Every structure is written in C-alpha cells, then in structure tokens.
Protein backbone atom coordinates (compact mmCIF):
# COMPACT_ATOMS: atom_id res chain seq x y z
CA UNK A 1 -3.79 6.89 60.73
CA UNK A 2 -3.14 3.36 62.43
CA UNK A 3 0.05 2.28 64.24
CA UNK A 4 0.65 -1.35 64.58
CA UNK A 5 3.33 -2.44 66.94
CA UNK A 6 4.68 -6.24 67.01
CA UNK A 7 6.75 -6.98 69.84
CA UNK A 8 9.00 -10.18 68.94
CA UNK A 9 10.09 -10.96 72.46
CA UNK A 10 13.99 -11.21 72.60
CA UNK A 11 14.72 -11.94 68.86
CA UNK A 12 18.34 -11.90 68.02
CA UNK A 13 18.45 -9.76 64.48
CA UNK A 14 22.04 -10.37 64.22
CA UNK A 15 21.10 -14.05 63.76
CA UNK A 16 18.14 -12.74 61.50
CA UNK A 17 20.42 -10.96 59.25
CA UNK A 18 22.55 -14.25 58.89
CA UNK A 19 19.46 -16.00 57.54
CA UNK A 20 18.69 -13.20 55.66
CA UNK A 21 21.98 -13.00 53.87
CA UNK A 22 21.34 -16.89 52.96
CA UNK A 23 18.15 -15.74 51.07
CA UNK A 24 15.75 -16.49 53.63
CA UNK A 25 13.15 -14.23 55.62
CA UNK A 26 11.95 -12.31 52.33
CA UNK A 27 9.50 -10.17 54.50
CA UNK A 28 11.90 -9.17 57.05
CA UNK A 29 14.80 -8.87 54.50
CA UNK A 30 12.28 -6.41 52.43
CA UNK A 31 12.02 -4.50 55.91
CA UNK A 32 15.52 -4.04 56.79
CA UNK A 33 16.53 -3.09 53.31
CA UNK A 34 13.96 -0.13 53.16
CA UNK A 35 14.05 0.70 56.79
CA UNK A 36 16.91 -0.36 58.50
CA UNK A 37 17.66 -1.65 62.09
CA UNK A 38 18.00 0.74 65.35
CA UNK A 39 19.54 -0.75 68.63
CA UNK A 40 17.97 0.01 72.01
CA UNK A 41 19.59 -0.06 75.22
CA UNK A 42 17.98 -0.96 78.56
CA UNK A 43 19.67 -2.05 82.20
CA UNK A 44 22.85 -3.15 82.41
CA UNK A 45 22.94 -5.39 85.71
CA UNK A 46 22.32 -8.87 84.65
CA UNK A 47 19.69 -9.57 87.12
CA UNK A 48 17.47 -6.46 85.90
CA UNK A 49 17.55 -7.84 82.45
CA UNK A 50 14.01 -9.65 82.26
CA UNK A 51 11.89 -9.27 79.74
CA UNK A 52 9.14 -8.62 82.26
CA UNK A 53 11.01 -5.69 83.38
CA UNK A 54 12.12 -4.56 79.79
CA UNK A 55 8.66 -4.65 78.59
CA UNK A 56 7.39 -2.56 81.40
CA UNK A 57 10.10 0.21 80.50
CA UNK A 58 9.00 0.00 77.08
CA UNK A 59 5.29 0.49 77.93
CA UNK A 60 5.56 3.18 80.46
CA UNK A 61 8.72 4.89 79.39
CA UNK A 62 10.33 4.54 82.35
CA UNK A 63 13.84 2.68 83.28
CA UNK A 64 13.77 0.03 86.23
CA UNK A 65 14.92 2.48 88.42
CA UNK A 66 12.06 4.63 87.97
CA UNK A 67 9.31 1.87 87.67
CA UNK A 68 10.62 -0.81 89.94
CA UNK A 69 8.72 -3.58 88.43
CA UNK A 70 10.87 -6.31 89.04
CA UNK A 71 8.79 -9.40 88.89
CA UNK A 72 6.23 -10.99 86.30
CA UNK A 73 2.81 -9.98 87.31
CA UNK A 74 3.99 -7.20 89.57
CA UNK A 75 2.57 -4.51 87.68
CA UNK A 76 -0.87 -4.95 89.00
CA UNK A 77 0.37 -3.52 92.27
CA UNK A 78 1.29 -0.38 90.50
CA UNK A 79 -0.48 2.25 88.84
CA UNK A 80 1.87 3.29 86.45
CA UNK A 81 0.70 4.96 83.06
CA UNK A 82 1.40 2.84 80.13
CA UNK A 83 1.09 3.68 76.40
CA UNK A 84 -2.15 2.40 75.80
CA UNK A 85 -4.41 4.53 78.46
CA UNK A 86 -2.00 7.56 77.23
CA UNK A 87 -3.51 7.56 73.80
CA UNK A 88 -7.14 6.51 74.96
CA UNK A 89 -6.97 9.70 77.18
CA UNK A 90 -5.93 11.81 74.06
CA UNK A 91 -9.02 10.23 72.06
CA UNK A 92 -7.49 7.23 70.24
CA UNK A 93 -8.80 3.87 70.21
CA UNK A 94 -6.33 1.27 71.50
CA UNK A 95 -5.73 -2.51 71.59
CA UNK A 96 -3.38 -4.96 73.04
CA UNK A 97 -3.15 -8.60 72.67
CA UNK A 98 -1.09 -10.61 75.54
CA UNK A 99 1.42 -7.54 76.44
CA UNK A 100 4.04 -8.85 78.56
CA UNK A 101 3.50 -7.69 82.68
CA UNK A 102 1.06 -5.03 81.34
CA UNK A 103 -1.98 -3.83 83.18
CA UNK A 104 -5.53 -3.23 81.83
CA UNK A 105 -6.39 0.41 83.09
CA UNK A 106 -8.06 1.31 79.80
CA UNK A 107 -11.75 2.13 80.34
CA UNK A 108 -12.79 1.27 76.70
CA UNK A 109 -10.17 -0.33 74.56
CA UNK A 110 -10.96 -2.07 71.24
CA UNK A 111 -9.60 -5.03 73.10
CA UNK A 112 -7.37 -6.05 75.57
CA UNK A 113 -6.21 -9.60 76.35
CA UNK A 114 -3.73 -9.89 79.08
CA UNK A 115 -0.45 -12.29 78.64
CA UNK A 116 -0.79 -15.77 80.30
CA UNK A 117 0.86 -14.59 83.60
CA UNK A 118 -0.39 -11.45 84.54
CA UNK A 119 -3.88 -11.37 86.44
CA UNK A 120 -5.96 -8.27 85.17
CA UNK A 121 -8.68 -7.76 83.60
CA UNK A 122 -9.71 -9.20 79.68
CA UNK A 123 -11.65 -6.47 77.51
CA UNK A 124 -12.78 -9.06 74.95
CA UNK A 125 -15.68 -11.19 73.79
CA UNK A 126 -16.70 -13.87 75.97
CA UNK A 127 -14.97 -16.52 73.51
CA UNK A 128 -11.67 -14.43 73.75
CA UNK A 129 -11.69 -14.43 77.54
CA UNK A 130 -12.49 -18.28 77.46
CA UNK A 131 -9.58 -18.71 74.87
CA UNK A 132 -7.46 -16.47 77.05
CA UNK A 133 -8.18 -18.96 80.09
CA UNK A 134 -7.02 -22.05 77.87
CA UNK A 135 -3.95 -20.28 76.97
CA UNK A 136 -3.12 -19.54 80.74
CA UNK A 137 -3.53 -23.10 81.52
CA UNK A 138 -1.43 -24.33 78.47
CA UNK A 139 1.45 -22.15 79.07
CA UNK A 140 1.40 -22.94 82.83
CA UNK A 141 1.86 -26.62 82.42
CA UNK A 142 3.95 -26.46 79.10
CA UNK A 143 6.90 -28.06 81.27
CA UNK A 144 4.82 -31.39 81.43
CA UNK A 145 3.33 -31.17 78.33
CA UNK A 146 -0.10 -31.56 80.03
CA UNK A 147 -3.30 -29.84 78.62
CA UNK A 148 -6.71 -30.28 80.44
CA UNK A 149 -9.79 -31.32 78.16
CA UNK A 150 -11.30 -28.04 78.43
CA UNK A 151 -8.32 -26.00 77.56
CA UNK A 152 -7.96 -27.85 74.34
CA UNK A 153 -11.42 -27.70 73.53
CA UNK A 154 -11.26 -23.87 73.92
CA UNK A 155 -8.20 -23.62 72.15
CA UNK A 156 -9.73 -25.95 69.20
CA UNK A 157 -12.97 -23.61 69.16
CA UNK A 158 -10.37 -20.50 68.98
CA UNK A 159 -8.67 -21.83 66.13
CA UNK A 160 -11.94 -22.45 64.14
CA UNK A 161 -13.17 -19.16 65.03
CA UNK A 162 -9.57 -17.20 64.45
CA UNK A 163 -7.33 -19.13 62.14
CA UNK A 164 -6.79 -17.65 58.93
CA UNK A 165 -7.65 -20.13 56.02
CA UNK A 166 -3.88 -19.11 54.65
CA UNK A 167 -2.27 -20.60 57.62
CA UNK A 168 -4.42 -24.05 57.66
CA UNK A 169 -1.39 -25.67 55.82
CA UNK A 170 0.86 -24.16 58.45
CA UNK A 171 -1.12 -25.09 61.47
CA UNK A 172 -1.19 -28.41 60.14
CA UNK A 173 2.22 -29.11 59.60
CA UNK A 174 3.05 -27.93 63.25
CA UNK A 175 0.28 -30.03 64.58
CA UNK A 176 1.75 -33.13 62.75
CA UNK A 177 5.48 -32.05 64.34
CA UNK A 178 4.43 -31.01 67.66
CA UNK A 179 4.27 -34.63 69.29
CA UNK A 180 8.16 -35.09 68.88
CA UNK A 181 9.35 -31.59 68.46
CA UNK A 182 8.02 -29.63 71.73
CA UNK A 183 9.00 -26.23 70.63
CA UNK A 184 6.73 -26.35 67.83
CA UNK A 185 3.54 -25.90 70.40
CA UNK A 186 4.64 -22.34 71.52
CA UNK A 187 4.75 -21.45 67.61
CA UNK A 188 1.31 -22.81 67.19
CA UNK A 189 0.04 -20.52 69.99
CA UNK A 190 1.98 -17.28 68.31
CA UNK A 191 0.28 -18.26 65.26
CA UNK A 192 -3.11 -18.40 66.81
CA UNK A 193 -2.43 -15.14 68.60
CA UNK A 194 -1.44 -13.63 65.17
CA UNK A 195 -4.31 -14.68 63.63
CA UNK A 196 -6.73 -13.47 66.43
CA UNK A 197 -4.38 -10.06 66.38
CA UNK A 198 -5.50 -9.38 62.61
CA UNK A 199 -9.26 -10.29 63.30
CA UNK A 200 -9.70 -8.22 66.12
CA UNK A 201 -7.90 -4.94 64.44
CA UNK A 202 -9.70 -5.53 61.27
CA UNK A 203 -12.88 -5.54 63.25
CA UNK A 204 -12.49 -2.86 65.77
CA UNK A 205 -9.91 -0.67 63.75
CA UNK A 206 -8.14 0.76 66.36
CA UNK A 207 -5.61 3.75 66.01
CA UNK A 208 -2.89 1.58 67.73
CA UNK A 209 -2.56 -1.96 68.73
CA UNK A 210 0.12 -3.91 69.98
CA UNK A 211 0.95 -7.89 69.55
CA UNK A 212 3.62 -9.87 72.02
CA UNK A 213 4.80 -12.66 70.68
CA UNK A 214 7.09 -15.25 72.88
CA UNK A 215 8.03 -18.14 70.98
CA UNK A 216 11.19 -17.18 69.79
CA UNK A 217 12.46 -16.15 73.37
CA UNK A 218 11.83 -19.72 74.74
CA UNK A 219 13.18 -21.59 71.53
CA UNK A 220 16.53 -19.39 71.60
CA UNK A 221 16.79 -20.09 75.53
CA UNK A 222 16.23 -23.80 74.73
CA UNK A 223 17.80 -24.65 71.26
CA UNK A 224 20.05 -21.89 70.06
CA UNK A 225 23.17 -24.27 69.87
CA UNK A 226 21.34 -25.64 67.23
CA UNK A 227 20.88 -22.78 64.82
CA UNK A 228 22.53 -22.52 61.75
CA UNK A 229 23.26 -18.81 62.72
CA UNK A 230 25.17 -20.07 65.78
CA UNK A 231 28.79 -19.91 65.51
CA UNK A 232 30.09 -21.09 68.70
CA UNK A 233 31.27 -24.55 69.99
CA UNK A 234 28.80 -25.55 72.38
CA UNK A 235 26.15 -28.22 71.06
CA UNK A 236 23.30 -29.85 72.70
CA UNK A 237 23.46 -33.41 73.32
CA UNK A 238 21.45 -35.80 70.85
CA UNK A 239 19.25 -36.94 73.72
CA UNK A 240 17.85 -33.68 73.88
CA UNK A 241 17.46 -32.59 70.24
CA UNK A 242 18.64 -34.32 67.34
CA UNK A 243 21.57 -32.17 65.42
CA UNK A 244 19.95 -31.78 62.12
CA UNK A 245 16.78 -29.66 63.44
CA UNK A 246 16.97 -25.78 63.83
CA UNK A 247 14.07 -24.49 65.82
CA UNK A 248 15.33 -21.12 65.78
CA UNK A 249 15.10 -21.06 62.05
CA UNK A 250 11.70 -22.33 62.25
CA UNK A 251 10.13 -19.50 64.52
CA UNK A 252 11.93 -17.06 62.49
CA UNK A 253 10.60 -18.26 59.08
CA UNK A 254 7.19 -18.01 61.16
CA UNK A 255 7.71 -14.60 62.36
CA UNK A 256 8.75 -13.53 58.98
CA UNK A 257 5.51 -15.09 57.71
CA UNK A 258 3.55 -13.20 60.26
CA UNK A 259 5.21 -10.22 59.54
CA UNK A 260 4.32 -10.35 55.55
CA UNK A 261 0.45 -11.06 56.62
CA UNK A 262 0.55 -7.76 58.61
CA UNK A 263 2.26 -5.79 55.49
CA UNK A 264 -0.74 -7.60 53.40
CA UNK A 265 -3.59 -6.74 55.74
CA UNK A 266 -2.94 -3.56 56.62
CA UNK A 267 -1.30 -1.90 53.94
CA UNK A 268 -2.00 1.46 55.13
CA UNK A 269 -0.86 0.98 58.63
CA UNK A 270 2.49 2.15 60.04
CA UNK A 271 4.30 -1.13 61.37
CA UNK A 272 6.91 -0.85 64.32
CA UNK A 273 8.84 -4.14 65.73
CA UNK A 274 10.60 -4.04 68.78
CA UNK A 275 12.65 -7.05 70.94
CA UNK A 276 13.06 -5.42 74.33
CA UNK A 277 16.11 -7.50 74.66
CA UNK A 278 18.13 -10.17 72.42
CA UNK A 279 20.05 -13.10 73.68
CA UNK A 280 23.67 -14.33 73.65
CA UNK A 281 24.80 -17.80 73.96
CA UNK A 282 24.82 -19.08 77.23
CA UNK A 283 28.65 -20.09 78.17
CA UNK A 284 27.85 -22.67 80.97
CA UNK A 285 25.92 -26.02 81.04
CA UNK A 286 22.82 -25.28 82.87
CA UNK A 287 19.75 -27.29 83.58
CA UNK A 288 16.31 -26.03 84.45
CA UNK A 289 14.17 -28.14 86.67
CA UNK A 290 10.01 -27.28 87.33
CA UNK A 291 8.24 -28.96 90.36
CA UNK A 292 5.69 -31.21 89.06
CA UNK A 293 3.15 -30.42 91.75
CA UNK A 294 4.19 -27.32 93.72
CA UNK A 295 1.26 -27.35 96.20
CA UNK A 296 2.35 -30.97 97.09
CA UNK A 297 5.78 -30.19 97.59
CA UNK A 298 5.35 -27.10 99.81
CA UNK A 299 2.77 -29.41 102.00
CA UNK A 300 5.56 -32.13 102.33
CA UNK A 301 8.37 -30.12 103.47
CA UNK A 302 6.15 -28.50 105.88
CA UNK A 303 5.87 -24.78 104.37
CA UNK A 304 2.52 -22.85 105.50
CA UNK A 305 0.70 -21.31 102.62
CA UNK A 306 -2.56 -20.21 101.35
CA UNK A 307 -2.23 -20.74 97.62
CA UNK A 308 0.36 -21.72 95.04
CA UNK A 309 0.63 -20.06 91.71
CA UNK A 310 3.07 -21.18 88.80
CA UNK A 311 5.14 -18.60 86.80
CA UNK A 312 7.16 -19.00 84.04
CA UNK A 313 9.46 -22.07 83.74
CA UNK A 314 11.26 -22.39 86.96
CA UNK A 315 9.44 -19.94 89.19
CA UNK A 316 6.05 -19.80 91.19
CA UNK A 317 4.44 -17.38 93.54
CA UNK A 318 3.48 -18.75 97.35
CA UNK A 319 0.76 -16.65 99.04
CA UNK A 320 0.83 -16.68 102.78
CA UNK A 321 -2.11 -15.85 105.50
CA UNK A 322 0.22 -13.26 107.38
CA UNK A 323 3.87 -11.67 107.09
CA UNK A 324 4.69 -14.04 109.98
CA UNK A 325 3.59 -17.04 107.94
CA UNK A 326 5.53 -15.66 104.94
CA UNK A 327 8.48 -15.47 107.01
CA UNK A 328 8.37 -18.99 108.35
CA UNK A 329 7.56 -20.18 104.76
CA UNK A 330 10.86 -18.08 103.37
CA UNK A 331 13.28 -19.81 106.33
CA UNK A 332 11.67 -23.26 105.48
CA UNK A 333 12.34 -22.89 101.57
CA UNK A 334 16.03 -21.25 102.21
CA UNK A 335 16.66 -24.19 104.40
CA UNK A 336 16.15 -26.66 101.42
CA UNK A 337 19.86 -27.65 100.13
CA UNK A 338 21.53 -29.96 98.49
CA UNK A 339 23.57 -32.54 100.51
CA UNK A 340 26.65 -30.37 99.26
CA UNK A 341 24.90 -27.22 101.02
CA UNK A 342 24.13 -25.50 97.52
CA UNK A 343 20.37 -24.02 98.06
CA UNK A 344 17.73 -25.45 95.58
CA UNK A 345 15.43 -22.02 95.65
CA UNK A 346 15.94 -18.46 95.66
CA UNK A 347 13.55 -16.85 97.55
CA UNK A 348 12.25 -12.99 97.21
CA UNK A 349 9.66 -12.16 100.32
CA UNK A 350 7.01 -9.62 99.27
CA UNK A 351 5.46 -9.32 102.75
CA UNK A 352 2.88 -12.02 102.58
CA UNK A 353 3.89 -13.33 99.10
CA UNK A 354 7.03 -15.13 98.32
CA UNK A 355 8.40 -15.23 94.54
CA UNK A 356 10.32 -18.58 94.37
CA UNK A 357 12.85 -20.01 91.71
CA UNK A 358 13.84 -23.32 91.59
CA UNK A 359 17.68 -22.20 90.95
CA UNK A 360 19.44 -26.07 90.95
CA UNK A 361 21.17 -25.95 87.58
CA UNK A 362 22.59 -29.54 87.41
CA UNK A 363 21.64 -32.73 86.71
CA UNK A 364 18.99 -34.50 89.28
CA UNK A 365 19.22 -38.29 89.50
CA UNK A 366 17.24 -41.01 91.45
CA UNK A 367 20.14 -40.78 94.07
CA UNK A 368 19.53 -36.80 94.73
CA UNK A 369 19.35 -36.36 98.49
CA UNK A 370 18.62 -32.90 100.03
CA UNK A 371 17.86 -31.54 103.41
CA UNK A 372 15.11 -29.19 104.61
CA UNK A 373 15.57 -28.01 108.14
CA UNK A 374 18.21 -30.02 108.87
CA UNK A 375 16.38 -33.25 107.82
CA UNK A 376 17.73 -35.18 104.72
CA UNK A 377 15.05 -36.50 102.06
CA UNK A 378 15.62 -38.83 99.07
CA UNK A 379 13.37 -38.87 95.97
CA UNK A 380 13.60 -35.00 94.64
CA UNK A 381 13.67 -36.63 91.07
CA UNK A 382 9.98 -37.67 91.57
CA UNK A 383 9.15 -33.87 92.46
CA UNK A 384 10.39 -32.46 89.31
CA UNK A 385 10.52 -32.54 85.67
CA UNK A 386 13.26 -31.55 83.16
CA UNK A 387 12.42 -28.21 81.30
CA UNK A 388 15.40 -27.31 79.29
CA UNK A 389 19.14 -27.27 78.92
CA UNK A 390 19.99 -23.14 78.86
CA UNK A 391 21.04 -21.99 75.62
CA UNK A 392 20.35 -18.36 75.32
CA UNK A 393 21.03 -15.62 78.13
CA UNK A 394 19.68 -12.09 77.98
CA UNK A 395 21.57 -9.10 76.66
CA UNK A 396 20.04 -5.58 77.17
CA UNK A 397 20.56 -4.57 73.59
CA UNK A 398 17.08 -4.86 71.76
CA UNK A 399 16.30 -4.02 67.95
CA UNK A 400 13.63 -1.67 66.37
CA UNK A 401 12.43 -1.24 62.91
CA UNK A 402 9.77 1.37 61.92
CA UNK A 403 8.07 1.65 58.38
CA UNK A 404 7.72 5.27 58.84
CA UNK A 405 11.26 5.62 58.65
CA UNK A 406 12.73 5.88 55.04
CA UNK A 407 16.20 4.22 56.11
CA UNK A 408 17.69 4.39 59.90
CA UNK A 409 21.35 5.76 60.18
CA UNK A 410 23.98 3.11 60.64
CA UNK A 411 24.80 2.59 64.12
CA UNK A 412 21.13 4.41 65.04
CA UNK A 413 20.34 3.80 68.61
CA UNK A 414 17.87 4.91 71.62
CA UNK A 415 16.71 4.00 75.25
CA UNK A 416 14.09 1.40 75.26
CA UNK A 417 12.24 3.93 77.49
CA UNK A 418 11.99 6.17 74.53
CA UNK A 419 9.82 4.12 72.86
CA UNK A 420 6.24 5.30 73.74
CA UNK A 421 7.41 9.01 72.90
CA UNK A 422 8.09 7.35 69.42
CA UNK A 423 4.50 6.02 69.14
CA UNK A 424 3.19 8.90 70.38
CA UNK A 425 4.90 11.03 67.62
CA UNK A 426 4.10 8.64 64.79
CA UNK A 427 0.43 9.14 65.81
CA UNK A 428 0.63 12.80 66.24
CA UNK A 429 0.15 13.12 69.96
CA UNK A 430 2.49 14.58 72.71
CA UNK A 431 3.69 11.75 75.31
CA UNK A 432 4.31 12.71 79.20
CA UNK A 433 6.23 10.20 80.95
CA UNK A 434 4.61 9.15 83.95
CA UNK A 435 5.61 10.01 87.26
CA UNK A 436 8.59 7.82 89.01
CA UNK A 437 6.68 4.93 90.80
CA UNK A 438 6.23 6.09 94.65
CA UNK A 439 7.83 2.84 95.79
CA UNK A 440 11.04 3.20 93.37
CA UNK A 441 13.24 3.77 96.80
CA UNK A 442 12.69 -0.07 97.63
CA UNK A 443 14.78 -2.69 96.14
CA UNK A 444 13.68 -5.10 93.44
C-alpha cells in the first residue's frame, strides 16, 4: 500500500466550501462529498500558533509543550523522532518534499528535500540539490522580487526536467501574469514542487511520501480581503491590489488541480490532506516590512555579529561570536525605537544566536525617525522594503481529509498530535510517540 500526505499549509476549508457551493473546485468537492472533513486542534496561545510549531507537532506526535520547537529551523537542534524515520525503522520506504521545519534523520530515504528555511541534509539527486538551493534563494529574496541569475537558471532547468506536459499551459499563464501579480510566483513554485513530487514518487515508489505547499498560506495572509469567500467589511486599498482580483481563488483552483493530478497519477494510493492550521481575517491595519540588507543595517547601528540569515518575511537570525557578543547585540537591537518610544524589533536570545523580528506595523515614510542607543537616525525608509498588509491571522483549528475513510462523522475532530498515529495505522504499523524533549522545561 502507498500513502501520500498532502500538507496544504493553513488552507481555510470553510472558504474552500464556499467555492465548492459555487460549483468550483471539482476535485476537492468530490473528496469532501465522499470522505468528509475532520478538524484538528493544536495550541491555544496565539504566540504558539505558528506553522513551524504545528508541523513539528504533526510530524512528531508531540504538542508544543513537549517538543518545544518554537522557531523556524530550530528543529535542527533537536533529536525528536519524526514520522519518516519511524516508518523507515519499520522497514518502509519514505519520501518528503519541502516539509516545514523538519530534520533529515533518515539513513536512506527515497528522497528528502527540506523546506527553504531549514539547514538540514538534502537526500536527492545533484539536480534536485541545485533546485533546492535556487528555491532557498528565491524564497529568501521574495520580498524584494530579487532572483540571482544562477538561481533563475537552475529553476529553469528544474522546470525543464520536472514540469508535467499537462501543466505547460498553466505555467505559461502564470508566468505571463507574474510581473504585475506578485502572488503568482509562489503558485509557480508550488506547482513545480507538485510536479517534482509526482516524478520522484513515481520513480522511487515509497510506501509513504509527504508534500508541503505554502502558497495559499502566504496569499491568505496578504490578500484574504479580496477573496469572494470573505464576508467581512475590510478591503485592501487599490494601490495594493486591484479590487477585481482574487488571489485566494487563484491558489485554491491550483490546489484543486494538484489534488486531481495526484488522484489520477496514483489511483491506488491512499491520500491524506492536512492543513495544520487555518486563518481568520485579521482585525487591524498591520503593515509588514523587511530589511533590504540585514548585514549592512546591523553594521551601521553597531550590532556585533558573525553572520545573519534571513527567514520568513520579517524574521532573521543573527549569529554572534560569543554569549557576551550576543547579549550586546540584543541590547542594541532592543534599543532601536521609533521616536514615539515603540520598539522596532523583537529579539529572542538563544545564547550566541538571536532570532529577530522587525515588528513595526505602521507606515514608514521618508520622515521616519528612530533612535538607537539614544542616537536619533533619519532614513529608515531606505533600509526597508514593504512586504504586505496583513489580511489573515492564525487559528489553531486545522482540517483533515482521508480517502481511506468512507465518510467522516459530522463534527469529527482530533488533536493534531495524533496525525502520525493515523499515518501508521493506515500503513499497518504501530506508532510510538518520541520521548518528550529534554529541553521542554525551557521557555520558547
């Protein structure tokens, strides 16, 4: 038996059902009618509702209070058992493509290509390693629409190797629109990941393989107010996006097509779909900003550091030479304030490493003044790039569909931490949750 897990990060199936009621999403509609939708539950505290927390729960069978993986890429500092190595230890062949915040701990997987943010080993062909590196660069610089020539070349090679002929027209349409519809780039990436997944799963025939897709989460965060399924009063300004465009519908249609392709290419496989979380409409006007050149900014404000790595959207990781240097860097970054006294950065000190978020959520104009260490500075607008207006916020309820179930009972629900056990049960092996992380007593 073969089991495929499709991880549609944060997709709101209440909105999917709205489109289904309009006669759209035929493949998802067919699955929902035949198998129903079950909800999942995760954390309650909002600061713990992050996909890089919930997907660790979904992969380890441990809630956050036990796994304590709080930041994106923190998984590499933990030795938590995950569903893939558990199945491998049971003698099953496994694969994973872009699993969020997952560590490659599998001796001989069919394939394991990590997400663009987590520094763990790639187990795949040299070509897929190159494509993964190109995706990392593209995702890292997405806010500035910057793509190196090398990354662009390897993505083109990847498309030439993996793109399904059936999807050529879809790629062409999206490429034609990408210049003035920035969300389309994330959809192109997800379609390429789906094509890679189909090819590698067909070639290697794993018993279990997972595919993580993130475009919908990104698009909902930025454009939910433009969706036909949104019933609230908030609207995005026309300078941000034209009112007649619906990026959420665009990505849902793409996912519906990907689901249809998986069902056709693997008719004998059991398919599970999980979202981890979903999103509710955001209730305030919140701007997202990102530093253009993180290292240059840190040098100019006097922050001591050895290396800086970008993460999602507003986040970045600062690596320092010592605990003392990190403490000094933390003090300086915490001293960076708007002239009103509001801090610009949130800092999480991990010893020698600082996880930093640019938290200023209002407009930044040419007259924006900030202070660092008591010194006033003008010109912050030149240091940042506008990312988005926040439209969606996290909700701990997720959704789950399983083609191995004839019809889910109305209102059925289970903790997200039970997902590995459900995978194991479907494959006929016993699940043993890994032990609680030794550092669970430490704060996040």
